[in-house]
């Protein structure tokens, strides 16, 4: 689980990299679910929320930099 505090300490490029890695992880989990190899389906929900959290912080950072 990615904490918002950790994401806020990164710069915009770092948060973008985190979003991409989370999306790759989520894709892998979806493929595991499709092939019935996924034991804990709750990880899908948590990665989806982590992606949303990271995207929200990224949007805030972009709005902040556009304002300055």
N, C-alpha and C. Protein backbone atom coordinates (compact mmCIF):
# COMPACT_ATOMS: atom_id res chain seq x y z
N UNK A 1 0.84 -1.18 0.00
CA UNK A 1 0.00 0.00 0.00
C UNK A 1 0.88 1.24 0.00
N UNK A 2 0.62 2.11 -0.91
CA UNK A 2 1.38 3.33 -1.03
C UNK A 2 0.74 4.41 -0.15
N UNK A 3 1.54 5.02 0.67
CA UNK A 3 1.06 6.07 1.54
C UNK A 3 1.10 7.41 0.81
N UNK A 4 0.12 8.26 1.08
CA UNK A 4 0.07 9.57 0.46
C UNK A 4 1.26 10.41 0.89
N UNK A 5 1.69 10.24 2.12
CA UNK A 5 2.83 11.00 2.64
C UNK A 5 4.08 10.69 1.82
N UNK A 6 4.29 9.43 1.47
CA UNK A 6 5.45 9.04 0.67
C UNK A 6 5.36 9.62 -0.74
N UNK A 7 4.16 9.63 -1.30
CA UNK A 7 3.99 10.15 -2.65
C UNK A 7 4.19 11.66 -2.70
N UNK A 8 3.75 12.36 -1.67
CA UNK A 8 3.90 13.81 -1.64
C UNK A 8 5.36 14.24 -1.53
N UNK A 9 6.19 13.37 -0.97
CA UNK A 9 7.61 13.72 -0.84
C UNK A 9 8.36 13.57 -2.16
N UNK A 10 7.78 12.87 -3.13
CA UNK A 10 8.42 12.68 -4.44
C UNK A 10 8.09 13.87 -5.35
N UNK A 11 8.91 14.03 -6.39
CA UNK A 11 8.59 15.04 -7.39
C UNK A 11 7.60 14.46 -8.39
N UNK A 12 7.16 15.27 -9.35
CA UNK A 12 6.12 14.84 -10.30
C UNK A 12 6.58 13.65 -11.13
N UNK A 13 7.84 13.63 -11.53
CA UNK A 13 8.35 12.52 -12.33
C UNK A 13 8.36 11.22 -11.53
N UNK A 14 8.67 11.33 -10.25
CA UNK A 14 8.67 10.16 -9.38
C UNK A 14 7.28 9.60 -9.18
N UNK A 15 6.30 10.48 -9.07
CA UNK A 15 4.92 10.03 -8.91
C UNK A 15 4.42 9.39 -10.20
N UNK A 16 4.82 9.96 -11.35
CA UNK A 16 4.43 9.36 -12.63
C UNK A 16 5.00 7.96 -12.76
N UNK A 17 6.24 7.78 -12.35
CA UNK A 17 6.86 6.46 -12.40
C UNK A 17 6.13 5.49 -11.48
N UNK A 18 5.70 5.97 -10.33
CA UNK A 18 4.94 5.14 -9.38
C UNK A 18 3.60 4.72 -9.98
N UNK A 19 2.93 5.64 -10.67
CA UNK A 19 1.65 5.32 -11.33
C UNK A 19 1.86 4.23 -12.37
N UNK A 20 2.91 4.36 -13.17
CA UNK A 20 3.17 3.36 -14.21
C UNK A 20 3.46 2.00 -13.62
N UNK A 21 4.24 1.97 -12.54
CA UNK A 21 4.56 0.68 -11.93
C UNK A 21 3.32 0.06 -11.29
N UNK A 22 2.46 0.89 -10.70
CA UNK A 22 1.22 0.38 -10.12
C UNK A 22 0.29 -0.16 -11.21
N UNK A 23 0.24 0.52 -12.34
CA UNK A 23 -0.60 0.05 -13.43
C UNK A 23 -0.10 -1.29 -13.98
N UNK A 24 1.21 -1.46 -14.07
CA UNK A 24 1.77 -2.74 -14.51
C UNK A 24 1.43 -3.84 -13.51
N UNK A 25 1.55 -3.52 -12.24
CA UNK A 25 1.23 -4.51 -11.20
C UNK A 25 -0.25 -4.89 -11.27
N UNK A 26 -1.11 -3.88 -11.48
CA UNK A 26 -2.55 -4.15 -11.56
C UNK A 26 -2.87 -5.02 -12.77
N UNK A 27 -2.20 -4.76 -13.89
CA UNK A 27 -2.41 -5.58 -15.07
C UNK A 27 -2.02 -7.03 -14.80
N UNK A 28 -0.88 -7.22 -14.14
CA UNK A 28 -0.44 -8.57 -13.79
C UNK A 28 -1.44 -9.29 -12.90
N UNK A 29 -1.99 -8.55 -11.95
CA UNK A 29 -3.00 -9.14 -11.05
C UNK A 29 -4.26 -9.52 -11.83
N UNK A 30 -4.66 -8.66 -12.78
CA UNK A 30 -5.85 -8.98 -13.58
C UNK A 30 -5.63 -10.23 -14.42
N UNK A 31 -4.43 -10.39 -14.94
CA UNK A 31 -4.12 -11.59 -15.73
C UNK A 31 -4.12 -12.82 -14.84
N UNK A 32 -3.61 -12.70 -13.62
CA UNK A 32 -3.64 -13.81 -12.68
C UNK A 32 -5.08 -14.19 -12.35
N UNK A 33 -5.94 -13.18 -12.20
CA UNK A 33 -7.34 -13.46 -11.90
C UNK A 33 -8.01 -14.18 -13.07
N UNK A 34 -7.67 -13.74 -14.29
CA UNK A 34 -8.28 -14.34 -15.47
C UNK A 34 -7.87 -15.80 -15.63
N UNK A 35 -6.66 -16.13 -15.22
CA UNK A 35 -6.19 -17.51 -15.33
C UNK A 35 -6.41 -18.29 -14.04
N UNK A 36 -7.14 -17.69 -13.12
CA UNK A 36 -7.50 -18.31 -11.83
C UNK A 36 -6.28 -18.70 -11.00
N UNK A 37 -5.25 -17.85 -11.04
CA UNK A 37 -4.05 -18.06 -10.23
C UNK A 37 -3.97 -17.09 -9.06
N UNK A 38 -4.91 -16.16 -8.99
CA UNK A 38 -4.88 -15.13 -7.94
C UNK A 38 -5.59 -15.66 -6.70
N UNK A 39 -4.86 -15.69 -5.59
CA UNK A 39 -5.45 -16.18 -4.35
C UNK A 39 -6.19 -15.09 -3.60
N UNK A 40 -5.60 -13.91 -3.51
CA UNK A 40 -6.18 -12.82 -2.73
C UNK A 40 -6.71 -11.76 -3.68
N UNK A 41 -8.00 -11.76 -3.92
CA UNK A 41 -8.58 -10.81 -4.86
C UNK A 41 -8.67 -9.40 -4.29
N UNK A 42 -8.45 -9.23 -3.01
CA UNK A 42 -8.48 -7.90 -2.40
C UNK A 42 -7.31 -7.05 -2.88
N UNK A 43 -6.26 -7.69 -3.38
CA UNK A 43 -5.12 -6.92 -3.88
C UNK A 43 -5.50 -6.10 -5.11
N UNK A 44 -6.47 -6.57 -5.88
CA UNK A 44 -6.95 -5.80 -7.02
C UNK A 44 -7.52 -4.46 -6.56
N UNK A 45 -8.32 -4.51 -5.54
CA UNK A 45 -8.95 -3.30 -5.01
C UNK A 45 -7.90 -2.34 -4.44
N UNK A 46 -6.94 -2.88 -3.71
CA UNK A 46 -5.94 -2.01 -3.09
C UNK A 46 -5.03 -1.37 -4.14
N UNK A 47 -4.66 -2.11 -5.18
CA UNK A 47 -3.82 -1.50 -6.22
C UNK A 47 -4.62 -0.46 -7.00
N UNK A 48 -5.88 -0.71 -7.23
CA UNK A 48 -6.72 0.27 -7.93
C UNK A 48 -6.82 1.56 -7.13
N UNK A 49 -6.94 1.44 -5.82
CA UNK A 49 -7.01 2.63 -4.97
C UNK A 49 -5.66 3.33 -4.87
N UNK A 50 -4.58 2.56 -4.88
CA UNK A 50 -3.24 3.16 -4.87
C UNK A 50 -3.01 3.97 -6.14
N UNK A 51 -3.48 3.45 -7.27
CA UNK A 51 -3.35 4.17 -8.54
C UNK A 51 -4.13 5.48 -8.47
N UNK A 52 -5.35 5.43 -7.95
CA UNK A 52 -6.17 6.63 -7.84
C UNK A 52 -5.52 7.64 -6.90
N UNK A 53 -4.95 7.17 -5.81
CA UNK A 53 -4.28 8.05 -4.85
C UNK A 53 -3.09 8.74 -5.52
N UNK A 54 -2.30 7.98 -6.26
CA UNK A 54 -1.12 8.54 -6.92
C UNK A 54 -1.52 9.53 -8.00
N UNK A 55 -2.57 9.21 -8.75
CA UNK A 55 -3.02 10.12 -9.81
C UNK A 55 -3.56 11.42 -9.22
N UNK A 56 -4.23 11.34 -8.10
CA UNK A 56 -4.75 12.54 -7.44
C UNK A 56 -3.60 13.44 -7.00
N UNK A 57 -2.59 12.87 -6.38
CA UNK A 57 -1.45 13.65 -5.93
C UNK A 57 -0.69 14.23 -7.11
N UNK A 58 -0.59 13.47 -8.20
CA UNK A 58 0.07 13.97 -9.40
C UNK A 58 -0.69 15.17 -9.98
N UNK A 59 -2.00 15.10 -10.01
CA UNK A 59 -2.80 16.21 -10.50
C UNK A 59 -2.64 17.44 -9.60
N UNK A 60 -2.55 17.23 -8.30
CA UNK A 60 -2.33 18.35 -7.37
C UNK A 60 -0.98 18.99 -7.61
N UNK A 61 0.05 18.17 -7.84
CA UNK A 61 1.39 18.70 -8.08
C UNK A 61 1.42 19.49 -9.40
N UNK A 62 0.75 18.99 -10.41
CA UNK A 62 0.72 19.69 -11.70
C UNK A 62 -0.03 21.02 -11.58
N UNK A 63 -1.13 21.04 -10.84
CA UNK A 63 -1.90 22.27 -10.65
C UNK A 63 -1.08 23.27 -9.85
N UNK A 64 -0.33 22.78 -8.88
CA UNK A 64 0.51 23.65 -8.07
C UNK A 64 1.62 24.28 -8.90
N UNK A 65 2.22 23.47 -9.78
CA UNK A 65 3.31 23.99 -10.61
C UNK A 65 2.78 24.95 -11.70
N UNK A 66 1.57 24.73 -12.17
CA UNK A 66 0.98 25.61 -13.17
C UNK A 66 0.59 26.95 -12.54
N UNK A 67 0.26 26.91 -11.28
CA UNK A 67 -0.14 28.12 -10.57
C UNK A 67 1.06 29.03 -10.33
N UNK A 68 2.22 28.43 -10.09
CA UNK A 68 3.43 29.22 -9.77
C UNK A 68 4.03 29.88 -10.97
